[in-house]
Amino acid sequence: MSFVKVEKNQSSAPSEADLKKAMTESGGTPGEVTGNNESRKLTFTGTVNHTVYENNLIKIAKGKRTSWNFVWADSKVSSPAV
């Protein structure tokens, strides 16, 4: 399970629709969005370049580089060596 958390810095967190649209345009498949104007978390699948997503979100949500803080959690499932 991978997710990105977008936290308010200078602007409220972007809307659910903006988060999902930016994820789709960045090559990921958006899942569930939780949170409020302080912080929203979007789960996703696929391989997403963090910088591409952040730039797409800034463009779509009409923000600035300093509008939000991003927290990424990308995980890959692997089998333990036996």
Protein backbone atom coordinates (compact mmCIF):
# COMPACT_ATOMS: atom_id res chain seq x y z
CA MET A 1 0.00 0.00 0.00
CA SER A 2 1.36 3.37 -0.99
CA PHE A 3 0.06 6.77 0.00
CA VAL A 4 0.85 10.45 -0.11
CA LYS A 5 -0.21 12.80 2.66
CA VAL A 6 -0.60 16.44 1.65
CA GLU A 7 -0.50 18.77 4.65
CA LYS A 8 -1.47 22.41 4.88
CA ASN A 9 1.46 24.83 4.84
CA GLN A 10 0.38 28.16 3.33
CA SER A 11 -2.86 26.87 1.79
CA SER A 12 -5.52 24.37 2.83
CA ALA A 13 -5.00 20.84 1.59
CA PRO A 14 -6.24 20.33 -2.01
CA SER A 15 -9.64 18.79 -2.67
CA GLU A 16 -10.19 15.06 -3.14
CA ALA A 17 -10.86 15.63 -6.85
CA ASP A 18 -7.59 17.56 -7.33
CA LEU A 19 -5.56 14.89 -5.50
CA LYS A 20 -7.03 12.10 -7.63
CA LYS A 21 -6.70 13.99 -10.94
CA ALA A 22 -3.03 14.76 -10.26
CA MET A 23 -2.41 11.10 -9.39
CA THR A 24 -4.01 9.89 -12.60
CA GLU A 25 -1.99 12.38 -14.67
CA SER A 26 1.17 11.20 -12.90
CA GLY A 27 0.69 7.57 -13.89
CA GLY A 28 -0.75 6.21 -10.64
CA THR A 29 -4.15 4.77 -9.83
CA PRO A 30 -5.81 6.77 -7.05
CA GLY A 31 -7.62 5.04 -4.22
CA GLU A 32 -9.30 6.39 -1.11
CA VAL A 33 -8.91 9.96 0.15
CA THR A 34 -9.24 10.69 3.86
CA GLY A 35 -8.72 13.82 5.93
CA ASN A 36 -9.80 17.44 5.99
CA ASN A 37 -8.50 20.92 5.07
CA GLU A 38 -5.52 20.52 7.41
CA SER A 39 -4.28 17.32 5.79
CA ARG A 40 -5.50 14.78 3.24
CA LYS A 41 -4.15 11.29 2.60
CA LEU A 42 -4.50 9.60 -0.80
CA THR A 43 -3.79 5.91 -1.21
CA PHE A 44 -2.62 4.81 -4.63
CA THR A 45 -1.17 1.98 -6.66
CA GLY A 46 1.46 2.11 -9.36
CA THR A 47 4.85 3.73 -9.61
CA VAL A 48 4.64 7.49 -9.28
CA ASN A 49 7.49 9.99 -9.52
CA HIS A 50 7.08 12.25 -6.48
CA THR A 51 8.24 15.41 -8.24
CA VAL A 52 5.91 14.83 -11.20
CA TYR A 53 2.94 14.34 -8.85
CA GLU A 54 3.77 17.42 -6.78
CA ASN A 55 4.15 19.56 -9.92
CA ASN A 56 0.86 18.24 -11.36
CA LEU A 57 -0.96 18.93 -8.09
CA ILE A 58 0.45 22.47 -7.91
CA LYS A 59 -0.80 23.09 -11.46
CA ILE A 60 -4.24 21.48 -10.97
CA ALA A 61 -4.95 22.95 -7.52
CA LYS A 62 -3.45 26.34 -8.44
CA GLY A 63 -0.96 26.23 -5.60
CA LYS A 64 2.69 27.15 -5.13
CA ARG A 65 5.74 25.10 -4.21
CA THR A 66 5.28 26.24 -0.59
CA SER A 67 1.51 25.70 -0.40
CA TRP A 68 1.72 22.18 1.05
CA ASN A 69 4.03 19.68 2.67
CA PHE A 70 4.16 16.19 1.18
CA VAL A 71 4.73 12.96 3.10
CA TRP A 72 5.26 9.88 0.94
CA ALA A 73 4.98 6.22 1.88
CA ASP A 74 5.83 3.94 -1.01
CA SER A 75 6.06 0.30 -0.16
CA LYS A 76 7.02 -2.69 -2.20
CA VAL A 77 6.06 -6.16 -1.05
CA SER A 78 8.89 -8.64 -1.23
CA SER A 79 9.35 -12.19 -0.06
CA PRO A 80 11.83 -12.68 2.74
CA ALA A 81 14.86 -14.74 1.80
CA VAL A 82 14.61 -18.28 3.10
